[in-house]
């Protein structure tokens, strides 16, 4: 799970850099934050896996 999160973060950062560098591919600026959010959600799900969150 940790490797998947690292891959998603790396792809998101790469897309962000490419989107900033190339004006014609500016739609990547919309994709990169979405991938970062997905990576954070997966990271949180991995940390709380098997544990009950107290109410």
C-alpha atoms as a PDB file:
ATOM      1  CA  UNK A   1       0.000   0.000   0.000  1.00  0.00           C
ATOM      2  CA  UNK A   2       2.861   2.365   0.837  1.00  0.00           C
ATOM      3  CA  UNK A   3       4.487   1.752  -2.537  1.00  0.00           C
ATOM      4  CA  UNK A   4       1.223   2.571  -4.306  1.00  0.00           C
ATOM      5  CA  UNK A   5       0.954   5.853  -2.409  1.00  0.00           C
ATOM      6  CA  UNK A   6       4.541   6.754  -3.277  1.00  0.00           C
ATOM      7  CA  UNK A   7       3.919   6.035  -6.968  1.00  0.00           C
ATOM      8  CA  UNK A   8       0.760   8.168  -6.981  1.00  0.00           C
ATOM      9  CA  UNK A   9       2.577  11.053  -5.259  1.00  0.00           C
ATOM     10  CA  UNK A  10       5.471  10.818  -7.723  1.00  0.00           C
ATOM     11  CA  UNK A  11       3.111  10.847 -10.707  1.00  0.00           C
ATOM     12  CA  UNK A  12       1.169  13.783  -9.246  1.00  0.00           C
ATOM     13  CA  UNK A  13       4.327  15.828  -8.709  1.00  0.00           C
ATOM     14  CA  UNK A  14       5.570  14.952 -12.199  1.00  0.00           C
ATOM     15  CA  UNK A  15       2.263  15.999 -13.757  1.00  0.00           C
ATOM     16  CA  UNK A  16       2.309  19.214 -11.755  1.00  0.00           C
ATOM     17  CA  UNK A  17       5.820  20.073 -12.961  1.00  0.00           C
ATOM     18  CA  UNK A  18       4.995  19.190 -16.571  1.00  0.00           C
ATOM     19  CA  UNK A  19       1.762  21.169 -16.382  1.00  0.00           C
ATOM     20  CA  UNK A  20       3.598  24.223 -15.108  1.00  0.00           C
ATOM     21  CA  UNK A  21       6.361  23.868 -17.698  1.00  0.00           C
ATOM     22  CA  UNK A  22       4.184  23.298 -20.750  1.00  0.00           C
ATOM     23  CA  UNK A  23       1.390  25.763 -21.270  1.00  0.00           C
ATOM     24  CA  UNK A  24      -0.491  23.597 -23.776  1.00  0.00           C
ATOM     25  CA  UNK A  25      -0.771  20.779 -21.234  1.00  0.00           C
ATOM     26  CA  UNK A  26      -2.263  22.980 -18.529  1.00  0.00           C
ATOM     27  CA  UNK A  27      -5.074  20.476 -17.961  1.00  0.00           C
ATOM     28  CA  UNK A  28      -2.494  18.431 -16.018  1.00  0.00           C
ATOM     29  CA  UNK A  29      -2.698  21.083 -13.301  1.00  0.00           C
ATOM     30  CA  UNK A  30      -6.203  19.812 -12.619  1.00  0.00           C
ATOM     31  CA  UNK A  31      -5.139  16.161 -12.579  1.00  0.00           C
ATOM     32  CA  UNK A  32      -2.174  16.527 -10.208  1.00  0.00           C
ATOM     33  CA  UNK A  33      -4.145  17.805  -7.158  1.00  0.00           C
ATOM     34  CA  UNK A  34      -6.712  15.048  -7.633  1.00  0.00           C
ATOM     35  CA  UNK A  35      -3.962  12.424  -7.584  1.00  0.00           C
ATOM     36  CA  UNK A  36      -2.478  14.004  -4.453  1.00  0.00           C
ATOM     37  CA  UNK A  37      -5.862  13.791  -2.710  1.00  0.00           C
ATOM     38  CA  UNK A  38      -6.188  10.130  -3.740  1.00  0.00           C
ATOM     39  CA  UNK A  39      -2.716   9.413  -2.357  1.00  0.00           C
ATOM     40  CA  UNK A  40      -3.545  11.083   0.969  1.00  0.00           C
ATOM     41  CA  UNK A  41      -6.802   9.126   1.274  1.00  0.00           C
ATOM     42  CA  UNK A  42      -5.004   5.853   0.551  1.00  0.00           C
ATOM     43  CA  UNK A  43      -2.329   6.715   3.087  1.00  0.00           C
ATOM     44  CA  UNK A  44      -4.924   7.440   5.766  1.00  0.00           C
ATOM     45  CA  UNK A  45      -6.837   4.258   4.954  1.00  0.00           C
ATOM     46  CA  UNK A  46      -3.611   2.279   5.284  1.00  0.00           C
ATOM     47  CA  UNK A  47      -2.836   3.805   8.661  1.00  0.00           C
ATOM     48  CA  UNK A  48      -6.269   3.110  10.124  1.00  0.00           C
ATOM     49  CA  UNK A  49      -6.569  -0.372   8.607  1.00  0.00           C
ATOM     50  CA  UNK A  50      -7.540  -2.878  11.287  1.00  0.00           C
ATOM     51  CA  UNK A  51      -8.118  -0.204  13.929  1.00  0.00           C
ATOM     52  CA  UNK A  52     -11.425   1.150  15.058  1.00  0.00           C
ATOM     53  CA  UNK A  53     -11.562   4.888  15.292  1.00  0.00           C
ATOM     54  CA  UNK A  54     -13.020   5.793  18.713  1.00  0.00           C
ATOM     55  CA  UNK A  55     -16.218   7.802  18.745  1.00  0.00           C
END
